[in-house]
Amino acid sequence: GRVDGVIFHADRGSQYTSAAFAQVSDYFGIRRSMGRVGSSYDNALAESFWQGLKRETMQEAFATVRQARLEIFQWLTYYNARRRHSSLGYLSPAEFEQQHQRERKLTLAA
């Protein structure tokens, strides 16, 4: 199914700039975002995300693909709903998004 509103941020690796990746992203309603060439700061949050996923869920091999999917899904749920991030003012991504939406509604109402 479609996942409209999802933003996929990546570096400018050939796998992310390919026509095939663009086509699949468009099919599922995913907006592509790419960091600037030669700027490690643009990709710092994405790198932090992957480092956390690897460190916190991939300490040993998964017994099955099903187990891998379940454990990664559980970690993603925790990461988005409860894990606090210094880059978001110590809010979880879900709390940050809710706050952003409230502020946006207040701005539009004014």
PDB file of N, CA and C in Angstrom:
ATOM      1  N   GLY A   1       0.795  -1.183   0.000  1.00  0.00           N
ATOM      2  CA  GLY A   1       0.000   0.000   0.000  1.00  0.00           C
ATOM      3  C   GLY A   1       0.850   1.265   0.000  1.00  0.00           C
ATOM      4  N   ARG A   2       0.193   2.360  -0.199  1.00  0.00           N
ATOM      5  CA  ARG A   2       0.868   3.656  -0.247  1.00  0.00           C
ATOM      6  C   ARG A   2       1.188   4.135   1.162  1.00  0.00           C
ATOM      7  N   VAL A   3       2.204   4.912   1.279  1.00  0.00           N
ATOM      8  CA  VAL A   3       2.608   5.507   2.563  1.00  0.00           C
ATOM      9  C   VAL A   3       2.811   7.007   2.370  1.00  0.00           C
ATOM     10  N   ASP A   4       1.796   7.666   1.815  1.00  0.00           N
ATOM     11  CA  ASP A   4       1.879   9.097   1.547  1.00  0.00           C
ATOM     12  C   ASP A   4       2.338   9.849   2.788  1.00  0.00           C
ATOM     13  N   GLY A   5       3.222  10.818   2.597  1.00  0.00           N
ATOM     14  CA  GLY A   5       3.727  11.625   3.703  1.00  0.00           C
ATOM     15  C   GLY A   5       5.072  11.165   4.216  1.00  0.00           C
ATOM     16  N   VAL A   6       5.497   9.950   3.862  1.00  0.00           N
ATOM     17  CA  VAL A   6       6.799   9.457   4.301  1.00  0.00           C
ATOM     18  C   VAL A   6       7.887  10.164   3.503  1.00  0.00           C
ATOM     19  N   ILE A   7       8.932  10.556   4.204  1.00  0.00           N
ATOM     20  CA  ILE A   7      10.096  11.175   3.560  1.00  0.00           C
ATOM     21  C   ILE A   7      11.284  10.243   3.765  1.00  0.00           C
ATOM     22  N   PHE A   8      11.959   9.874   2.695  1.00  0.00           N
ATOM     23  CA  PHE A   8      13.130   9.011   2.752  1.00  0.00           C
ATOM     24  C   PHE A   8      14.352   9.882   2.497  1.00  0.00           C
ATOM     25  N   HIS A   9      15.173  10.084   3.533  1.00  0.00           N
ATOM     26  CA  HIS A   9      16.365  10.913   3.397  1.00  0.00           C
ATOM     27  C   HIS A   9      17.586  10.022   3.242  1.00  0.00           C
ATOM     28  N   ALA A  10      18.416  10.327   2.279  1.00  0.00           N
ATOM     29  CA  ALA A  10      19.602   9.516   2.016  1.00  0.00           C
ATOM     30  C   ALA A  10      20.722  10.399   1.474  1.00  0.00           C
ATOM     31  N   ASP A  11      21.888   9.791   1.383  1.00  0.00           N
ATOM     32  CA  ASP A  11      22.985  10.481   0.716  1.00  0.00           C
ATOM     33  C   ASP A  11      22.787  10.329  -0.792  1.00  0.00           C
ATOM     34  N   ARG A  12      23.755  10.738  -1.565  1.00  0.00           N
ATOM     35  CA  ARG A  12      23.610  10.702  -3.019  1.00  0.00           C
ATOM     36  C   ARG A  12      24.249   9.462  -3.637  1.00  0.00           C
ATOM     37  N   GLY A  13      24.164   8.354  -2.918  1.00  0.00           N
ATOM     38  CA  GLY A  13      24.657   7.096  -3.456  1.00  0.00           C
ATOM     39  C   GLY A  13      23.884   6.689  -4.698  1.00  0.00           C
ATOM     40  N   SER A  14      24.529   5.946  -5.571  1.00  0.00           N
ATOM     41  CA  SER A  14      23.905   5.596  -6.851  1.00  0.00           C
ATOM     42  C   SER A  14      22.607   4.815  -6.669  1.00  0.00           C
ATOM     43  N   GLN A  15      22.499   4.032  -5.590  1.00  0.00           N
ATOM     44  CA  GLN A  15      21.261   3.279  -5.382  1.00  0.00           C
ATOM     45  C   GLN A  15      20.084   4.198  -5.081  1.00  0.00           C
ATOM     46  N   TYR A  16      20.343   5.388  -4.514  1.00  0.00           N
ATOM     47  CA  TYR A  16      19.269   6.321  -4.171  1.00  0.00           C
ATOM     48  C   TYR A  16      18.979   7.332  -5.276  1.00  0.00           C
ATOM     49  N   THR A  17      19.886   7.479  -6.225  1.00  0.00           N
ATOM     50  CA  THR A  17      19.672   8.417  -7.328  1.00  0.00           C
ATOM     51  C   THR A  17      19.210   7.702  -8.599  1.00  0.00           C
ATOM     52  N   SER A  18      19.055   6.386  -8.519  1.00  0.00           N
ATOM     53  CA  SER A  18      18.667   5.616  -9.703  1.00  0.00           C
ATOM     54  C   SER A  18      17.210   5.865 -10.082  1.00  0.00           C
ATOM     55  N   ALA A  19      16.932   5.669 -11.356  1.00  0.00           N
ATOM     56  CA  ALA A  19      15.557   5.818 -11.857  1.00  0.00           C
ATOM     57  C   ALA A  19      14.645   4.774 -11.220  1.00  0.00           C
ATOM     58  N   ALA A  20      15.166   3.561 -10.979  1.00  0.00           N
ATOM     59  CA  ALA A  20      14.347   2.500 -10.381  1.00  0.00           C
ATOM     60  C   ALA A  20      13.905   2.889  -8.970  1.00  0.00           C
ATOM     61  N   PHE A  21      14.824   3.461  -8.182  1.00  0.00           N
ATOM     62  CA  PHE A  21      14.471   3.880  -6.819  1.00  0.00           C
ATOM     63  C   PHE A  21      13.429   4.997  -6.861  1.00  0.00           C
ATOM     64  N   ALA A  22      13.592   5.939  -7.769  1.00  0.00           N
ATOM     65  CA  ALA A  22      12.633   7.030  -7.910  1.00  0.00           C
ATOM     66  C   ALA A  22      11.254   6.488  -8.289  1.00  0.00           C
ATOM     67  N   GLN A  23      11.222   5.529  -9.190  1.00  0.00           N
ATOM     68  CA  GLN A  23       9.956   4.954  -9.641  1.00  0.00           C
ATOM     69  C   GLN A  23       9.238   4.240  -8.488  1.00  0.00           C
ATOM     70  N   VAL A  24       9.964   3.441  -7.720  1.00  0.00           N
ATOM     71  CA  VAL A  24       9.357   2.732  -6.589  1.00  0.00           C
ATOM     72  C   VAL A  24       8.875   3.730  -5.530  1.00  0.00           C
ATOM     73  N   SER A  25       9.689   4.737  -5.254  1.00  0.00           N
ATOM     74  CA  SER A  25       9.299   5.762  -4.278  1.00  0.00           C
ATOM     75  C   SER A  25       8.022   6.459  -4.705  1.00  0.00           C
ATOM     76  N   ASP A  26       7.954   6.851  -5.971  1.00  0.00           N
ATOM     77  CA  ASP A  26       6.760   7.524  -6.484  1.00  0.00           C
ATOM     78  C   ASP A  26       5.532   6.612  -6.411  1.00  0.00           C
ATOM     79  N   TYR A  27       5.720   5.344  -6.722  1.00  0.00           N
ATOM     80  CA  TYR A  27       4.614   4.393  -6.685  1.00  0.00           C
ATOM     81  C   TYR A  27       3.991   4.311  -5.288  1.00  0.00           C
ATOM     82  N   PHE A  28       4.839   4.321  -4.260  1.00  0.00           N
ATOM     83  CA  PHE A  28       4.347   4.183  -2.883  1.00  0.00           C
ATOM     84  C   PHE A  28       4.042   5.531  -2.219  1.00  0.00           C
ATOM     85  N   GLY A  29       4.262   6.635  -2.921  1.00  0.00           N
ATOM     86  CA  GLY A  29       3.962   7.948  -2.351  1.00  0.00           C
ATOM     87  C   GLY A  29       5.028   8.443  -1.395  1.00  0.00           C
ATOM     88  N   ILE A  30       6.267   7.999  -1.583  1.00  0.00           N
ATOM     89  CA  ILE A  30       7.379   8.385  -0.709  1.00  0.00           C
ATOM     90  C   ILE A  30       8.115   9.564  -1.330  1.00  0.00           C
ATOM     91  N   ARG A  31       8.302  10.622  -0.554  1.00  0.00           N
ATOM     92  CA  ARG A  31       9.062  11.789  -1.021  1.00  0.00           C
ATOM     93  C   ARG A  31      10.537  11.542  -0.751  1.00  0.00           C
ATOM     94  N   ARG A  32      11.364  11.792  -1.750  1.00  0.00           N
ATOM     95  CA  ARG A  32      12.803  11.596  -1.603  1.00  0.00           C
ATOM     96  C   ARG A  32      13.479  12.887  -1.155  1.00  0.00           C
ATOM     97  N   SER A  33      14.446  12.751  -0.266  1.00  0.00           N
ATOM     98  CA  SER A  33      15.232  13.876   0.223  1.00  0.00           C
ATOM     99  C   SER A  33      16.689  13.448   0.199  1.00  0.00           C
ATOM    100  N   MET A  34      17.542  14.314  -0.313  1.00  0.00           N
ATOM    101  CA  MET A  34      18.960  13.973  -0.378  1.00  0.00           C
ATOM    102  C   MET A  34      19.799  15.082   0.196  1.00  0.00           C
ATOM    103  N   GLY A  35      20.856  14.674   0.896  1.00  0.00           N
ATOM    104  CA  GLY A  35      21.794  15.632   1.450  1.00  0.00           C
ATOM    105  C   GLY A  35      22.620  16.278   0.348  1.00  0.00           C
ATOM    106  N   ARG A  36      23.217  17.398   0.698  1.00  0.00           N
ATOM    107  CA  ARG A  36      24.083  18.080  -0.267  1.00  0.00           C
ATOM    108  C   ARG A  36      25.366  17.292  -0.471  1.00  0.00           C
ATOM    109  N   VAL A  37      25.939  17.418  -1.633  1.00  0.00           N
ATOM    110  CA  VAL A  37      27.188  16.740  -1.948  1.00  0.00           C
ATOM    111  C   VAL A  37      28.289  17.251  -1.025  1.00  0.00           C
ATOM    112  N   GLY A  38      29.005  16.338  -0.401  1.00  0.00           N
ATOM    113  CA  GLY A  38      30.156  16.692   0.428  1.00  0.00           C
ATOM    114  C   GLY A  38      29.814  17.249   1.796  1.00  0.00           C
ATOM    115  N   SER A  39      28.555  17.187   2.235  1.00  0.00           N
ATOM    116  CA  SER A  39      28.184  17.723   3.536  1.00  0.00           C
ATOM    117  C   SER A  39      27.778  16.591   4.473  1.00  0.00           C
ATOM    118  N   SER A  40      28.676  16.225   5.379  1.00  0.00           N
ATOM    119  CA  SER A  40      28.368  15.148   6.319  1.00  0.00           C
ATOM    120  C   SER A  40      27.296  15.560   7.312  1.00  0.00           C
ATOM    121  N   TYR A  41      27.123  16.860   7.546  1.00  0.00           N
ATOM    122  CA  TYR A  41      26.112  17.311   8.503  1.00  0.00           C
ATOM    123  C   TYR A  41      24.701  16.996   8.024  1.00  0.00           C
ATOM    124  N   ASP A  42      24.476  17.031   6.716  1.00  0.00           N
ATOM    125  CA  ASP A  42      23.156  16.737   6.180  1.00  0.00           C
ATOM    126  C   ASP A  42      22.708  15.317   6.518  1.00  0.00           C
ATOM    127  N   ASN A  43      23.648  14.422   6.683  1.00  0.00           N
ATOM    128  CA  ASN A  43      23.303  13.025   6.886  1.00  0.00           C
ATOM    129  C   ASN A  43      23.518  12.566   8.329  1.00  0.00           C
ATOM    130  N   ALA A  44      23.874  13.461   9.229  1.00  0.00           N
ATOM    131  CA  ALA A  44      24.226  13.072  10.591  1.00  0.00           C
ATOM    132  C   ALA A  44      23.078  12.394  11.325  1.00  0.00           C
ATOM    133  N   LEU A  45      21.854  12.908  11.211  1.00  0.00           N
ATOM    134  CA  LEU A  45      20.726  12.293  11.922  1.00  0.00           C
ATOM    135  C   LEU A  45      20.404  10.917  11.361  1.00  0.00           C
ATOM    136  N   ALA A  46      20.482  10.774  10.055  1.00  0.00           N
ATOM    137  CA  ALA A  46      20.241   9.457   9.451  1.00  0.00           C
ATOM    138  C   ALA A  46      21.301   8.462   9.904  1.00  0.00           C
ATOM    139  N   GLU A  47      22.549   8.893   9.944  1.00  0.00           N
ATOM    140  CA  GLU A  47      23.628   8.007  10.399  1.00  0.00           C
ATOM    141  C   GLU A  47      23.418   7.613  11.857  1.00  0.00           C
ATOM    142  N   SER A  48      22.965   8.546  12.681  1.00  0.00           N
ATOM    143  CA  SER A  48      22.687   8.264  14.085  1.00  0.00           C
ATOM    144  C   SER A  48      21.571   7.226  14.216  1.00  0.00           C
ATOM    145  N   PHE A  49      20.542   7.363  13.384  1.00  0.00           N
ATOM    146  CA  PHE A  49      19.437   6.402  13.389  1.00  0.00           C
ATOM    147  C   PHE A  49      19.948   4.992  13.109  1.00  0.00           C
ATOM    148  N   TRP A  50      20.703   4.832  12.011  1.00  0.00           N
ATOM    149  CA  TRP A  50      21.187   3.503  11.640  1.00  0.00           C
ATOM    150  C   TRP A  50      22.134   2.942  12.687  1.00  0.00           C
ATOM    151  N   GLN A  51      22.973   3.789  13.268  1.00  0.00           N
ATOM    152  CA  GLN A  51      23.885   3.331  14.315  1.00  0.00           C
ATOM    153  C   GLN A  51      23.089   2.800  15.508  1.00  0.00           C
ATOM    154  N   GLY A  52      22.040   3.524  15.913  1.00  0.00           N
ATOM    155  CA  GLY A  52      21.205   3.078  17.025  1.00  0.00           C
ATOM    156  C   GLY A  52      20.506   1.768  16.729  1.00  0.00           C
ATOM    157  N   LEU A  53      19.950   1.639  15.533  1.00  0.00           N
ATOM    158  CA  LEU A  53      19.281   0.396  15.147  1.00  0.00           C
ATOM    159  C   LEU A  53      20.249  -0.780  15.224  1.00  0.00           C
ATOM    160  N   LYS A  54      21.432  -0.605  14.662  1.00  0.00           N
ATOM    161  CA  LYS A  54      22.419  -1.690  14.673  1.00  0.00           C
ATOM    162  C   LYS A  54      22.865  -2.023  16.091  1.00  0.00           C
ATOM    163  N   ARG A  55      23.147  -1.007  16.884  1.00  0.00           N
ATOM    164  CA  ARG A  55      23.659  -1.212  18.241  1.00  0.00           C
ATOM    165  C   ARG A  55      22.608  -1.845  19.155  1.00  0.00           C
ATOM    166  N   GLU A  56      21.355  -1.443  18.980  1.00  0.00           N
ATOM    167  CA  GLU A  56      20.321  -1.852  19.929  1.00  0.00           C
ATOM    168  C   GLU A  56      19.526  -3.081  19.512  1.00  0.00           C
ATOM    169  N   THR A  57      19.590  -3.495  18.263  1.00  0.00           N
ATOM    170  CA  THR A  57      18.806  -4.667  17.854  1.00  0.00           C
ATOM    171  C   THR A  57      19.625  -5.752  17.177  1.00  0.00           C
ATOM    172  N   MET A  58      20.806  -5.435  16.730  1.00  0.00           N
ATOM    173  CA  MET A  58      21.536  -6.417  15.919  1.00  0.00           C
ATOM    174  C   MET A  58      22.820  -6.893  16.600  1.00  0.00           C
ATOM    175  N   GLN A  59      22.708  -7.236  17.864  1.00  0.00           N
ATOM    176  CA  GLN A  59      23.875  -7.727  18.597  1.00  0.00           C
ATOM    177  C   GLN A  59      24.216  -9.161  18.215  1.00  0.00           C
ATOM    178  N   GLU A  60      23.231  -9.916  17.796  1.00  0.00           N
ATOM    179  CA  GLU A  60      23.454 -11.286  17.346  1.00  0.00           C
ATOM    180  C   GLU A  60      22.543 -11.565  16.160  1.00  0.00           C
ATOM    181  N   ALA A  61      22.841 -12.622  15.452  1.00  0.00           N
ATOM    182  CA  ALA A  61      22.051 -12.954  14.261  1.00  0.00           C
ATOM    183  C   ALA A  61      20.628 -13.344  14.663  1.00  0.00           C
ATOM    184  N   PHE A  62      19.678 -12.956  13.851  1.00  0.00           N
ATOM    185  CA  PHE A  62      18.293 -13.347  14.070  1.00  0.00           C
ATOM    186  C   PHE A  62      18.120 -14.799  13.630  1.00  0.00           C
ATOM    187  N   ALA A  63      17.286 -15.532  14.326  1.00  0.00           N
ATOM    188  CA  ALA A  63      17.061 -16.941  13.999  1.00  0.00           C
ATOM    189  C   ALA A  63      16.258 -17.094  12.708  1.00  0.00           C
ATOM    190  N   THR A  64      15.315 -16.164  12.487  1.00  0.00           N
ATOM    191  CA  THR A  64      14.463 -16.232  11.298  1.00  0.00           C
ATOM    192  C   THR A  64      14.209 -14.816  10.784  1.00  0.00           C
ATOM    193  N   VAL A  65      13.747 -14.741   9.557  1.00  0.00           N
ATOM    194  CA  VAL A  65      13.368 -13.449   8.990  1.00  0.00           C
ATOM    195  C   VAL A  65      12.207 -12.872   9.794  1.00  0.00           C
ATOM    196  N   ARG A  66      11.276 -13.732  10.204  1.00  0.00           N
ATOM    197  CA  ARG A  66      10.129 -13.278  11.007  1.00  0.00           C
ATOM    198  C   ARG A  66      10.594 -12.627  12.306  1.00  0.00           C
ATOM    199  N   GLN A  67      11.572 -13.244  12.972  1.00  0.00           N
ATOM    200  CA  GLN A  67      12.099 -12.671  14.210  1.00  0.00           C
ATOM    201  C   GLN A  67      12.757 -11.313  13.934  1.00  0.00           C
ATOM    202  N   ALA A  68      13.511 -11.217  12.851  1.00  0.00           N
ATOM    203  CA  ALA A  68      14.165  -9.954  12.493  1.00  0.00           C
ATOM    204  C   ALA A  68      13.124  -8.866  12.277  1.00  0.00           C
ATOM    205  N   ARG A  69      12.083  -9.169  11.510  1.00  0.00           N
ATOM    206  CA  ARG A  69      11.028  -8.185  11.242  1.00  0.00           C
ATOM    207  C   ARG A  69      10.351  -7.737  12.532  1.00  0.00           C
ATOM    208  N   LEU A  70      10.033  -8.697  13.403  1.00  0.00           N
ATOM    209  CA  LEU A  70       9.346  -8.377  14.651  1.00  0.00           C
ATOM    210  C   LEU A  70      10.215  -7.499  15.550  1.00  0.00           C
ATOM    211  N   GLU A  71      11.469  -7.867  15.735  1.00  0.00           N
ATOM    212  CA  GLU A  71      12.345  -7.104  16.626  1.00  0.00           C
ATOM    213  C   GLU A  71      12.640  -5.710  16.077  1.00  0.00           C
ATOM    214  N   ILE A  72      12.842  -5.603  14.790  1.00  0.00           N
ATOM    215  CA  ILE A  72      13.090  -4.285  14.192  1.00  0.00           C
ATOM    216  C   ILE A  72      11.827  -3.428  14.263  1.00  0.00           C
ATOM    217  N   PHE A  73      10.655  -4.021  14.011  1.00  0.00           N
ATOM    218  CA  PHE A  73       9.401  -3.284  14.132  1.00  0.00           C
ATOM    219  C   PHE A  73       9.196  -2.784  15.563  1.00  0.00           C
ATOM    220  N   GLN A  74       9.476  -3.639  16.548  1.00  0.00           N
ATOM    221  CA  GLN A  74       9.342  -3.231  17.947  1.00  0.00           C
ATOM    222  C   GLN A  74      10.295  -2.076  18.264  1.00  0.00           C
ATOM    223  N   TRP A  75      11.519  -2.132  17.756  1.00  0.00           N
ATOM    224  CA  TRP A  75      12.481  -1.062  18.005  1.00  0.00           C
ATOM    225  C   TRP A  75      12.019   0.234  17.338  1.00  0.00           C
ATOM    226  N   LEU A  76      11.518   0.137  16.104  1.00  0.00           N
ATOM    227  CA  LEU A  76      11.034   1.332  15.403  1.00  0.00           C
ATOM    228  C   LEU A  76       9.858   1.965  16.140  1.00  0.00           C
ATOM    229  N   THR A  77       8.981   1.144  16.685  1.00  0.00           N
ATOM    230  CA  THR A  77       7.847   1.655  17.457  1.00  0.00           C
ATOM    231  C   THR A  77       8.351   2.406  18.678  1.00  0.00           C
ATOM    232  N   TYR A  78       9.303   1.810  19.394  1.00  0.00           N
ATOM    233  CA  TYR A  78       9.916   2.479  20.555  1.00  0.00           C
ATOM    234  C   TYR A  78      10.610   3.767  20.126  1.00  0.00           C
ATOM    235  N   TYR A  79      11.393   3.699  19.061  1.00  0.00           N
ATOM    236  CA  TYR A  79      12.171   4.841  18.582  1.00  0.00           C
ATOM    237  C   TYR A  79      11.257   6.024  18.257  1.00  0.00           C
ATOM    238  N   ASN A  80      10.158   5.779  17.582  1.00  0.00           N
ATOM    239  CA  ASN A  80       9.260   6.851  17.163  1.00  0.00           C
ATOM    240  C   ASN A  80       8.335   7.343  18.263  1.00  0.00           C
ATOM    241  N   ALA A  81       7.888   6.452  19.134  1.00  0.00           N
ATOM    242  CA  ALA A  81       6.864   6.820  20.113  1.00  0.00           C
ATOM    243  C   ALA A  81       7.416   7.223  21.474  1.00  0.00           C
ATOM    244  N   ARG A  82       8.552   6.642  21.878  1.00  0.00           N
ATOM    245  CA  ARG A  82       8.988   6.888  23.259  1.00  0.00           C
ATOM    246  C   ARG A  82      10.422   7.392  23.407  1.00  0.00           C
ATOM    247  N   ARG A  83      11.288   7.087  22.468  1.00  0.00           N
ATOM    248  CA  ARG A  83      12.697   7.464  22.630  1.00  0.00           C
ATOM    249  C   ARG A  83      12.861   8.968  22.450  1.00  0.00           C
ATOM    250  N   ARG A  84      13.490   9.595  23.425  1.00  0.00           N
ATOM    251  CA  ARG A  84      13.707  11.041  23.390  1.00  0.00           C
ATOM    252  C   ARG A  84      14.987  11.344  22.597  1.00  0.00           C
ATOM    253  N   HIS A  85      14.934  12.434  21.831  1.00  0.00           N
ATOM    254  CA  HIS A  85      16.055  12.797  20.964  1.00  0.00           C
ATOM    255  C   HIS A  85      16.517  14.216  21.283  1.00  0.00           C
ATOM    256  N   SER A  86      17.794  14.366  21.537  1.00  0.00           N
ATOM    257  CA  SER A  86      18.322  15.699  21.854  1.00  0.00           C
ATOM    258  C   SER A  86      18.105  16.658  20.690  1.00  0.00           C
ATOM    259  N   SER A  87      18.165  16.154  19.460  1.00  0.00           N
ATOM    260  CA  SER A  87      17.981  17.025  18.292  1.00  0.00           C
ATOM    261  C   SER A  87      16.540  17.505  18.149  1.00  0.00           C
ATOM    262  N   LEU A  88      15.617  16.914  18.912  1.00  0.00           N
ATOM    263  CA  LEU A  88      14.201  17.322  18.869  1.00  0.00           C
ATOM    264  C   LEU A  88      13.775  17.957  20.185  1.00  0.00           C
ATOM    265  N   GLY A  89      14.729  18.524  20.911  1.00  0.00           N
ATOM    266  CA  GLY A  89      14.402  19.152  22.182  1.00  0.00           C
ATOM    267  C   GLY A  89      13.973  18.138  23.235  1.00  0.00           C
ATOM    268  N   TYR A  90      14.552  16.957  23.168  1.00  0.00           N
ATOM    269  CA  TYR A  90      14.261  15.854  24.103  1.00  0.00           C
ATOM    270  C   TYR A  90      12.805  15.398  24.060  1.00  0.00           C
ATOM    271  N   LEU A  91      12.221  15.461  22.870  1.00  0.00           N
ATOM    272  CA  LEU A  91      10.907  14.878  22.614  1.00  0.00           C
ATOM    273  C   LEU A  91      11.104  13.629  21.768  1.00  0.00           C
ATOM    274  N   SER A  92      10.122  12.739  21.785  1.00  0.00           N
ATOM    275  CA  SER A  92      10.156  11.617  20.849  1.00  0.00           C
ATOM    276  C   SER A  92       9.736  12.160  19.479  1.00  0.00           C
ATOM    277  N   PRO A  93      10.037  11.456  18.392  1.00  0.00           N
ATOM    278  CA  PRO A  93       9.579  11.921  17.087  1.00  0.00           C
ATOM    279  C   PRO A  93       8.063  12.106  17.028  1.00  0.00           C
ATOM    280  N   ALA A  94       7.307  11.217  17.649  1.00  0.00           N
ATOM    281  CA  ALA A  94       5.845  11.353  17.644  1.00  0.00           C
ATOM    282  C   ALA A  94       5.410  12.608  18.403  1.00  0.00           C
ATOM    283  N   GLU A  95       6.024  12.870  19.565  1.00  0.00           N
ATOM    284  CA  GLU A  95       5.689  14.072  20.337  1.00  0.00           C
ATOM    285  C   GLU A  95       6.071  15.330  19.561  1.00  0.00           C
ATOM    286  N   PHE A  96       7.222  15.297  18.913  1.00  0.00           N
ATOM    287  CA  PHE A  96       7.682  16.435  18.125  1.00  0.00           C
ATOM    288  C   PHE A  96       6.694  16.734  16.993  1.00  0.00           C
ATOM    289  N   GLU A  97       6.250  15.686  16.311  1.00  0.00           N
ATOM    290  CA  GLU A  97       5.290  15.846  15.219  1.00  0.00           C
ATOM    291  C   GLU A  97       3.972  16.405  15.738  1.00  0.00           C
ATOM    292  N   GLN A  98       3.495  15.901  16.869  1.00  0.00           N
ATOM    293  CA  GLN A  98       2.245  16.411  17.444  1.00  0.00           C
ATOM    294  C   GLN A  98       2.374  17.885  17.810  1.00  0.00           C
ATOM    295  N   GLN A  99       3.495  18.247  18.405  1.00  0.00           N
ATOM    296  CA  GLN A  99       3.727  19.650  18.777  1.00  0.00           C
ATOM    297  C   GLN A  99       3.775  20.520  17.533  1.00  0.00           C
ATOM    298  N   HIS A 100       4.444  20.050  16.508  1.00  0.00           N
ATOM    299  CA  HIS A 100       4.545  20.789  15.247  1.00  0.00           C
ATOM    300  C   HIS A 100       3.155  20.999  14.636  1.00  0.00           C
ATOM    301  N   GLN A 101       2.335  19.954  14.653  1.00  0.00           N
ATOM    302  CA  GLN A 101       0.979  20.059  14.094  1.00  0.00           C
ATOM    303  C   GLN A 101       0.130  21.047  14.894  1.00  0.00           C
ATOM    304  N   ARG A 102       0.247  21.029  16.232  1.00  0.00           N
ATOM    305  CA  ARG A 102      -0.511  21.975  17.058  1.00  0.00           C
ATOM    306  C   ARG A 102      -0.092  23.410  16.753  1.00  0.00           C
ATOM    307  N   GLU A 103       1.210  23.642  16.663  1.00  0.00           N
ATOM    308  CA  GLU A 103       1.711  24.991  16.363  1.00  0.00           C
ATOM    309  C   GLU A 103       1.279  25.433  14.970  1.00  0.00           C
ATOM    310  N   ARG A 104       1.258  24.514  14.035  1.00  0.00           N
ATOM    311  CA  ARG A 104       0.836  24.843  12.674  1.00  0.00           C
ATOM    312  C   ARG A 104      -0.643  25.229  12.651  1.00  0.00           C
ATOM    313  N   LYS A 105      -1.469  24.492  13.387  1.00  0.00           N
ATOM    314  CA  LYS A 105      -2.901  24.819  13.442  1.00  0.00           C
ATOM    315  C   LYS A 105      -3.132  26.165  14.089  1.00  0.00           C
ATOM    316  N   LEU A 106      -2.351  26.468  15.138  1.00  0.00           N
ATOM    317  CA  LEU A 106      -2.487  27.773  15.788  1.00  0.00           C
ATOM    318  C   LEU A 106      -2.087  28.897  14.851  1.00  0.00           C
ATOM    319  N   THR A 107      -1.045  28.682  14.074  1.00  0.00           N
ATOM    320  CA  THR A 107      -0.579  29.689  13.120  1.00  0.00           C
ATOM    321  C   THR A 107      -1.622  29.911  12.032  1.00  0.00           C
ATOM    322  N   LEU A 108      -2.211  28.815  11.536  1.00  0.00           N
ATOM    323  CA  LEU A 108      -3.224  28.936  10.489  1.00  0.00           C
ATOM    324  C   LEU A 108      -4.483  29.597  11.002  1.00  0.00           C
ATOM    325  N   ALA A 109      -4.799  29.388  12.285  1.00  0.00           N
ATOM    326  CA  ALA A 109      -6.013  29.970  12.868  1.00  0.00           C
ATOM    327  C   ALA A 109      -5.860  31.465  13.157  1.00  0.00           C
ATOM    328  N   ALA A 110      -4.629  31.914  13.317  1.00  0.00           N
ATOM    329  CA  ALA A 110      -4.393  33.321  13.673  1.00  0.00           C
ATOM    330  C   ALA A 110      -4.617  34.259  12.516  1.00  0.00           C
TER     331      ALA A 110
END
